[in-house]
PDB file of N, CA and C in Angstrom:
ATOM      1  N   MET A   1      60.239  10.117 160.820  1.00  0.00           N
ATOM      2  CA  MET A   1      60.458  11.333 159.976  1.00  0.00           C
ATOM      3  C   MET A   1      61.350  12.182 160.879  1.00  0.00           C
ATOM      4  N   GLU A   2      61.084  12.357 162.074  1.00  0.00           N
ATOM      5  CA  GLU A   2      61.939  13.415 162.808  1.00  0.00           C
ATOM      6  C   GLU A   2      63.478  12.901 162.882  1.00  0.00           C
ATOM      7  N   PRO A   3      63.783  11.768 163.073  1.00  0.00           N
ATOM      8  CA  PRO A   3      65.250  11.486 163.228  1.00  0.00           C
ATOM      9  C   PRO A   3      65.811  11.556 161.701  1.00  0.00           C
ATOM     10  N   ALA A   4      65.097  11.374 160.553  1.00  0.00           N
ATOM     11  CA  ALA A   4      65.637  11.617 159.267  1.00  0.00           C
ATOM     12  C   ALA A   4      65.891  13.037 158.982  1.00  0.00           C
ATOM     13  N   THR A   5      64.851  13.801 159.431  1.00  0.00           N
ATOM     14  CA  THR A   5      65.091  15.221 159.189  1.00  0.00           C
ATOM     15  C   THR A   5      66.233  15.860 160.042  1.00  0.00           C
ATOM     16  N   ALA A   6      66.385  15.343 161.268  1.00  0.00           N
ATOM     17  CA  ALA A   6      67.451  15.716 162.054  1.00  0.00           C
ATOM     18  C   ALA A   6      68.808  15.340 161.367  1.00  0.00           C
ATOM     19  N   TRP A   7      68.888  14.109 160.967  1.00  0.00           N
ATOM     20  CA  TRP A   7      69.965  13.549 160.265  1.00  0.00           C
ATOM     21  C   TRP A   7      70.313  14.434 159.057  1.00  0.00           C
ATOM     22  N   HIS A   8      69.218  14.593 158.240  1.00  0.00           N
ATOM     23  CA  HIS A   8      69.505  15.505 157.090  1.00  0.00           C
ATOM     24  C   HIS A   8      69.907  17.020 157.490  1.00  0.00           C
ATOM     25  N   SER A   9      69.355  17.444 158.471  1.00  0.00           N
ATOM     26  CA  SER A   9      69.870  18.813 158.978  1.00  0.00           C
ATOM     27  C   SER A   9      71.383  18.670 159.340  1.00  0.00           C
ATOM     28  N   ALA A  10      71.727  17.717 159.996  1.00  0.00           N
ATOM     29  CA  ALA A  10      73.087  17.408 160.374  1.00  0.00           C
ATOM     30  C   ALA A  10      73.916  17.333 159.174  1.00  0.00           C
ATOM     31  N   LEU A  11      73.511  16.512 158.100  1.00  0.00           N
ATOM     32  CA  LEU A  11      74.341  16.574 156.912  1.00  0.00           C
ATOM     33  C   LEU A  11      74.439  17.957 156.164  1.00  0.00           C
ATOM     34  N   GLY A  12      73.308  18.579 156.167  1.00  0.00           N
ATOM     35  CA  GLY A  12      73.285  19.918 155.570  1.00  0.00           C
ATOM     36  C   GLY A  12      74.344  20.854 156.331  1.00  0.00           C
ATOM     37  N   ARG A  13      74.488  20.838 157.619  1.00  0.00           N
ATOM     38  CA  ARG A  13      75.279  21.456 158.332  1.00  0.00           C
ATOM     39  C   ARG A  13      76.795  21.174 158.136  1.00  0.00           C
ATOM     40  N   ARG A  14      77.087  19.649 157.952  1.00  0.00           N
ATOM     41  CA  ARG A  14      78.286  19.236 157.753  1.00  0.00           C
ATOM     42  C   ARG A  14      78.732  19.387 156.230  1.00  0.00           C
ATOM     43  N   LEU A  15      77.845  19.211 155.405  1.00  0.00           N
ATOM     44  CA  LEU A  15      78.152  19.457 153.977  1.00  0.00           C
ATOM     45  C   LEU A  15      78.992  20.573 153.688  1.00  0.00           C
ATOM     46  N   PRO A  16      78.396  21.747 154.034  1.00  0.00           N
ATOM     47  CA  PRO A  16      79.275  22.995 153.677  1.00  0.00           C
ATOM     48  C   PRO A  16      80.570  22.849 154.321  1.00  0.00           C
ATOM     49  N   SER A  17      80.790  22.437 155.649  1.00  0.00           N
ATOM     50  CA  SER A  17      81.998  22.352 156.195  1.00  0.00           C
ATOM     51  C   SER A  17      82.985  21.451 155.346  1.00  0.00           C
ATOM     52  N   LEU A  18      82.433  20.276 155.017  1.00  0.00           N
ATOM     53  CA  LEU A  18      83.108  19.297 154.320  1.00  0.00           C
ATOM     54  C   LEU A  18      83.556  19.958 152.995  1.00  0.00           C
ATOM     55  N   ALA A  19      82.617  20.455 152.292  1.00  0.00           N
ATOM     56  CA  ALA A  19      82.951  21.168 150.973  1.00  0.00           C
ATOM     57  C   ALA A  19      83.998  22.057 151.065  1.00  0.00           C
ATOM     58  N   ARG A  20      83.976  22.936 152.209  1.00  0.00           N
ATOM     59  CA  ARG A  20      84.986  23.892 152.381  1.00  0.00           C
ATOM     60  C   ARG A  20      86.416  23.344 152.849  1.00  0.00           C
ATOM     61  N   ALA A  21      86.354  22.164 153.605  1.00  0.00           N
ATOM     62  CA  ALA A  21      87.585  21.590 154.062  1.00  0.00           C
ATOM     63  C   ALA A  21      88.131  20.799 152.936  1.00  0.00           C
ATOM     64  N   GLN A  22      87.286  20.255 151.989  1.00  0.00           N
ATOM     65  CA  GLN A  22      87.969  19.389 150.866  1.00  0.00           C
ATOM     66  C   GLN A  22      88.785  20.075 149.838  1.00  0.00           C
ATOM     67  N   PRO A  23      88.479  21.342 149.452  1.00  0.00           N
ATOM     68  CA  PRO A  23      89.362  22.002 148.527  1.00  0.00           C
ATOM     69  C   PRO A  23      90.600  22.462 149.163  1.00  0.00           C
ATOM     70  N   PRO A  24      90.844  22.990 150.271  1.00  0.00           N
ATOM     71  CA  PRO A  24      92.028  23.212 150.928  1.00  0.00           C
ATOM     72  C   PRO A  24      93.017  22.029 150.820  1.00  0.00           C
ATOM     73  N   PRO A  25      92.698  20.870 151.265  1.00  0.00           N
ATOM     74  CA  PRO A  25      93.579  19.712 151.270  1.00  0.00           C
ATOM     75  C   PRO A  25      94.401  19.621 150.057  1.00  0.00           C
ATOM     76  N   PRO A  26      93.840  19.411 148.851  1.00  0.00           N
ATOM     77  CA  PRO A  26      94.455  19.378 147.587  1.00  0.00           C
ATOM     78  C   PRO A  26      95.376  20.518 147.314  1.00  0.00           C
ATOM     79  N   LEU A  27      95.074  21.750 147.814  1.00  0.00           N
ATOM     80  CA  LEU A  27      95.982  22.730 147.300  1.00  0.00           C
ATOM     81  C   LEU A  27      97.213  22.748 148.315  1.00  0.00           C
ATOM     82  N   PRO A  28      97.166  22.431 149.585  1.00  0.00           N
ATOM     83  CA  PRO A  28      98.376  22.245 150.368  1.00  0.00           C
ATOM     84  C   PRO A  28      99.213  21.034 149.883  1.00  0.00           C
ATOM     85  N   SER A  29      98.547  19.901 149.473  1.00  0.00           N
ATOM     86  CA  SER A  29      99.229  18.651 148.956  1.00  0.00           C
ATOM     87  C   SER A  29     100.163  19.119 147.683  1.00  0.00           C
ATOM     88  N   MET A  30      99.393  19.960 146.853  1.00  0.00           N
ATOM     89  CA  MET A  30     100.027  20.319 145.522  1.00  0.00           C
ATOM     90  C   MET A  30     101.217  21.246 145.813  1.00  0.00           C
ATOM     91  N   SER A  31     101.096  22.254 146.878  1.00  0.00           N
ATOM     92  CA  SER A  31     102.177  23.245 147.056  1.00  0.00           C
ATOM     93  C   SER A  31     103.404  22.425 147.655  1.00  0.00           C
ATOM     94  N   PRO A  32     103.240  21.445 148.783  1.00  0.00           N
ATOM     95  CA  PRO A  32     104.394  20.841 149.295  1.00  0.00           C
ATOM     96  C   PRO A  32     105.216  19.973 148.249  1.00  0.00           C
ATOM     97  N   LEU A  33     104.575  19.555 147.099  1.00  0.00           N
ATOM     98  CA  LEU A  33     105.310  18.753 146.282  1.00  0.00           C
ATOM     99  C   LEU A  33     106.521  19.435 145.605  1.00  0.00           C
ATOM    100  N   PRO A  34     106.417  20.701 145.166  1.00  0.00           N
ATOM    101  CA  PRO A  34     107.422  21.465 144.674  1.00  0.00           C
ATOM    102  C   PRO A  34     108.553  21.640 145.604  1.00  0.00           C
ATOM    103  N   PRO A  35     108.364  22.277 146.835  1.00  0.00           N
ATOM    104  CA  PRO A  35     109.427  22.587 147.739  1.00  0.00           C
ATOM    105  C   PRO A  35     110.120  21.193 148.185  1.00  0.00           C
ATOM    106  N   THR A  36     109.418  20.181 148.350  1.00  0.00           N
ATOM    107  CA  THR A  36     110.113  18.830 148.857  1.00  0.00           C
ATOM    108  C   THR A  36     111.286  18.625 148.103  1.00  0.00           C
ATOM    109  N   PRO A  37     112.489  18.317 148.591  1.00  0.00           N
ATOM    110  CA  PRO A  37     113.584  17.963 147.772  1.00  0.00           C
ATOM    111  C   PRO A  37     113.299  16.747 146.757  1.00  0.00           C
ATOM    112  N   PRO A  38     112.841  15.632 147.412  1.00  0.00           N
ATOM    113  CA  PRO A  38     112.597  14.545 146.353  1.00  0.00           C
ATOM    114  C   PRO A  38     111.617  14.759 145.482  1.00  0.00           C
ATOM    115  N   GLY A  39     110.554  15.737 145.657  1.00  0.00           N
ATOM    116  CA  GLY A  39     109.602  15.900 144.569  1.00  0.00           C
ATOM    117  C   GLY A  39     110.078  16.911 143.702  1.00  0.00           C
ATOM    118  N   THR A  40     110.830  17.953 144.127  1.00  0.00           N
ATOM    119  CA  THR A  40     111.468  18.855 143.193  1.00  0.00           C
ATOM    120  C   THR A  40     112.510  18.265 142.332  1.00  0.00           C
ATOM    121  N   GLY A  41     113.302  17.315 142.888  1.00  0.00           N
ATOM    122  CA  GLY A  41     114.326  16.632 141.936  1.00  0.00           C
ATOM    123  C   GLY A  41     113.535  16.025 140.765  1.00  0.00           C
ATOM    124  N   PRO A  42     112.679  15.027 140.787  1.00  0.00           N
ATOM    125  CA  PRO A  42     112.105  14.549 139.641  1.00  0.00           C
ATOM    126  C   PRO A  42     111.214  15.474 139.008  1.00  0.00           C
ATOM    127  N   GLY A  43     110.375  16.371 139.630  1.00  0.00           N
ATOM    128  CA  GLY A  43     109.519  17.377 138.936  1.00  0.00           C
ATOM    129  C   GLY A  43     110.392  18.362 138.250  1.00  0.00           C
ATOM    130  N   ALA A  44     111.472  18.999 138.919  1.00  0.00           N
ATOM    131  CA  ALA A  44     112.244  19.903 138.247  1.00  0.00           C
ATOM    132  C   ALA A  44     112.955  19.171 136.969  1.00  0.00           C
ATOM    133  N   GLY A  45     113.446  17.986 137.228  1.00  0.00           N
ATOM    134  CA  GLY A  45     114.000  17.243 136.175  1.00  0.00           C
ATOM    135  C   GLY A  45     113.220  17.107 134.892  1.00  0.00           C
ATOM    136  N   ASP A  46     111.807  16.630 135.084  1.00  0.00           N
ATOM    137  CA  ASP A  46     110.828  16.476 134.126  1.00  0.00           C
ATOM    138  C   ASP A  46     110.761  17.841 133.527  1.00  0.00           C
ATOM    139  N   ARG A  47     110.614  18.975 134.274  1.00  0.00           N
ATOM    140  CA  ARG A  47     110.351  20.193 133.573  1.00  0.00           C
ATOM    141  C   ARG A  47     111.475  20.742 132.671  1.00  0.00           C
ATOM    142  N   PHE A  48     112.633  20.505 133.267  1.00  0.00           N
ATOM    143  CA  PHE A  48     113.863  20.873 132.524  1.00  0.00           C
ATOM    144  C   PHE A  48     114.075  20.055 131.310  1.00  0.00           C
ATOM    145  N   SER A  49     113.780  18.719 131.487  1.00  0.00           N
ATOM    146  CA  SER A  49     113.845  17.775 130.425  1.00  0.00           C
ATOM    147  C   SER A  49     112.855  18.254 129.166  1.00  0.00           C
ATOM    148  N   HIS A  50     111.683  18.653 129.615  1.00  0.00           N
ATOM    149  CA  HIS A  50     110.715  19.086 128.535  1.00  0.00           C
ATOM    150  C   HIS A  50     111.328  20.227 127.977  1.00  0.00           C
ATOM    151  N   GLY A  51     111.766  21.263 128.742  1.00  0.00           N
ATOM    152  CA  GLY A  51     112.241  22.455 128.128  1.00  0.00           C
ATOM    153  C   GLY A  51     113.430  22.086 127.013  1.00  0.00           C
ATOM    154  N   SER A  52     114.532  21.392 127.656  1.00  0.00           N
ATOM    155  CA  SER A  52     115.563  20.928 126.793  1.00  0.00           C
ATOM    156  C   SER A  52     115.094  20.271 125.725  1.00  0.00           C
ATOM    157  N   GLU A  53     113.985  19.303 125.691  1.00  0.00           N
ATOM    158  CA  GLU A  53     113.611  18.715 124.592  1.00  0.00           C
ATOM    159  C   GLU A  53     113.009  19.716 123.509  1.00  0.00           C
ATOM    160  N   GLU A  54     112.237  20.557 124.127  1.00  0.00           N
ATOM    161  CA  GLU A  54     111.637  21.674 123.170  1.00  0.00           C
ATOM    162  C   GLU A  54     112.960  22.460 122.377  1.00  0.00           C
ATOM    163  N   GLU A  55     113.859  22.705 123.276  1.00  0.00           N
ATOM    164  CA  GLU A  55     115.022  23.484 122.583  1.00  0.00           C
ATOM    165  C   GLU A  55     115.613  22.554 121.729  1.00  0.00           C
ATOM    166  N   LYS A  56     115.988  21.292 121.920  1.00  0.00           N
ATOM    167  CA  LYS A  56     116.537  20.398 121.033  1.00  0.00           C
ATOM    168  C   LYS A  56     115.764  20.332 119.744  1.00  0.00           C
ATOM    169  N   ARG A  57     114.410  20.260 119.938  1.00  0.00           N
ATOM    170  CA  ARG A  57     113.412  20.260 118.849  1.00  0.00           C
ATOM    171  C   ARG A  57     113.521  21.415 117.820  1.00  0.00           C
ATOM    172  N   GLY A  58     113.599  22.514 118.532  1.00  0.00           N
ATOM    173  CA  GLY A  58     113.879  23.821 117.861  1.00  0.00           C
ATOM    174  C   GLY A  58     115.211  23.773 117.142  1.00  0.00           C
ATOM    175  N   LYS A  59     116.232  23.232 117.792  1.00  0.00           N
ATOM    176  CA  LYS A  59     117.599  23.114 117.117  1.00  0.00           C
ATOM    177  C   LYS A  59     117.357  22.333 115.772  1.00  0.00           C
ATOM    178  N   LEU A  60     116.846  21.156 116.008  1.00  0.00           N
ATOM    179  CA  LEU A  60     116.739  20.133 115.115  1.00  0.00           C
ATOM    180  C   LEU A  60     115.900  20.696 113.918  1.00  0.00           C
ATOM    181  N   ASN A  61     114.903  21.430 114.149  1.00  0.00           N
ATOM    182  CA  ASN A  61     114.056  21.904 113.148  1.00  0.00           C
ATOM    183  C   ASN A  61     114.890  22.834 112.236  1.00  0.00           C
ATOM    184  N   ARG A  62     115.714  23.724 113.077  1.00  0.00           N
ATOM    185  CA  ARG A  62     116.631  24.720 112.337  1.00  0.00           C
ATOM    186  C   ARG A  62     117.516  24.065 111.571  1.00  0.00           C
ATOM    187  N   ARG A  63     118.246  23.025 112.046  1.00  0.00           N
ATOM    188  CA  ARG A  63     119.224  22.213 111.364  1.00  0.00           C
ATOM    189  C   ARG A  63     118.440  21.667 110.087  1.00  0.00           C
ATOM    190  N   VAL A  64     117.375  21.092 110.218  1.00  0.00           N
ATOM    191  CA  VAL A  64     116.670  20.565 108.894  1.00  0.00           C
ATOM    192  C   VAL A  64     116.392  21.517 107.919  1.00  0.00           C
ATOM    193  N   GLU A  65     115.947  22.746 108.522  1.00  0.00           N
ATOM    194  CA  GLU A  65     115.694  23.794 107.371  1.00  0.00           C
ATOM    195  C   GLU A  65     116.950  24.300 106.869  1.00  0.00           C
ATOM    196  N   GLU A  66     117.926  24.342 107.495  1.00  0.00           N
ATOM    197  CA  GLU A  66     119.384  24.719 107.010  1.00  0.00           C
ATOM    198  C   GLU A  66     119.790  23.585 106.042  1.00  0.00           C
ATOM    199  N   GLU A  67     119.720  22.403 106.295  1.00  0.00           N
ATOM    200  CA  GLU A  67     120.190  21.442 105.283  1.00  0.00           C
ATOM    201  C   GLU A  67     119.230  21.469 104.158  1.00  0.00           C
ATOM    202  N   GLY A  68     117.938  21.680 104.348  1.00  0.00           N
ATOM    203  CA  GLY A  68     117.051  21.749 103.068  1.00  0.00           C
ATOM    204  C   GLY A  68     117.461  22.920 102.260  1.00  0.00           C
ATOM    205  N   GLU A  69     117.854  23.957 102.963  1.00  0.00           N
ATOM    206  CA  GLU A  69     118.329  25.119 102.115  1.00  0.00           C
ATOM    207  C   GLU A  69     119.551  24.968 101.355  1.00  0.00           C
ATOM    208  N   ARG A  70     120.320  24.040 102.084  1.00  0.00           N
ATOM    209  CA  ARG A  70     121.767  23.784 101.380  1.00  0.00           C
ATOM    210  C   ARG A  70     121.511  22.844 100.212  1.00  0.00           C
ATOM    211  N   LYS A  71     120.643  21.836 100.522  1.00  0.00           N
ATOM    212  CA  LYS A  71     120.235  20.933  99.322  1.00  0.00           C
ATOM    213  C   LYS A  71     119.652  21.679  98.078  1.00  0.00           C
ATOM    214  N   ARG A  72     118.897  22.675  98.529  1.00  0.00           N
ATOM    215  CA  ARG A  72     118.266  23.471  97.267  1.00  0.00           C
ATOM    216  C   ARG A  72     119.295  24.208  96.683  1.00  0.00           C
TER     217      ARG A  72
END
């Protein structure tokens, strides 16, 4: 029983440190992705492509509306 309690106490002491240590790693990993040149290239491209797609959709919708009005 004593070794188990000691082990559990050690786990209890390590768990908070692990829990605190785990969240920070993902944040740094996420932040480096945008700044890195290779990461920014595809990431920025995707973002810009999405924006352009949205713009294109908006323009297409406008054109469709204009054509519909013309037909009317």
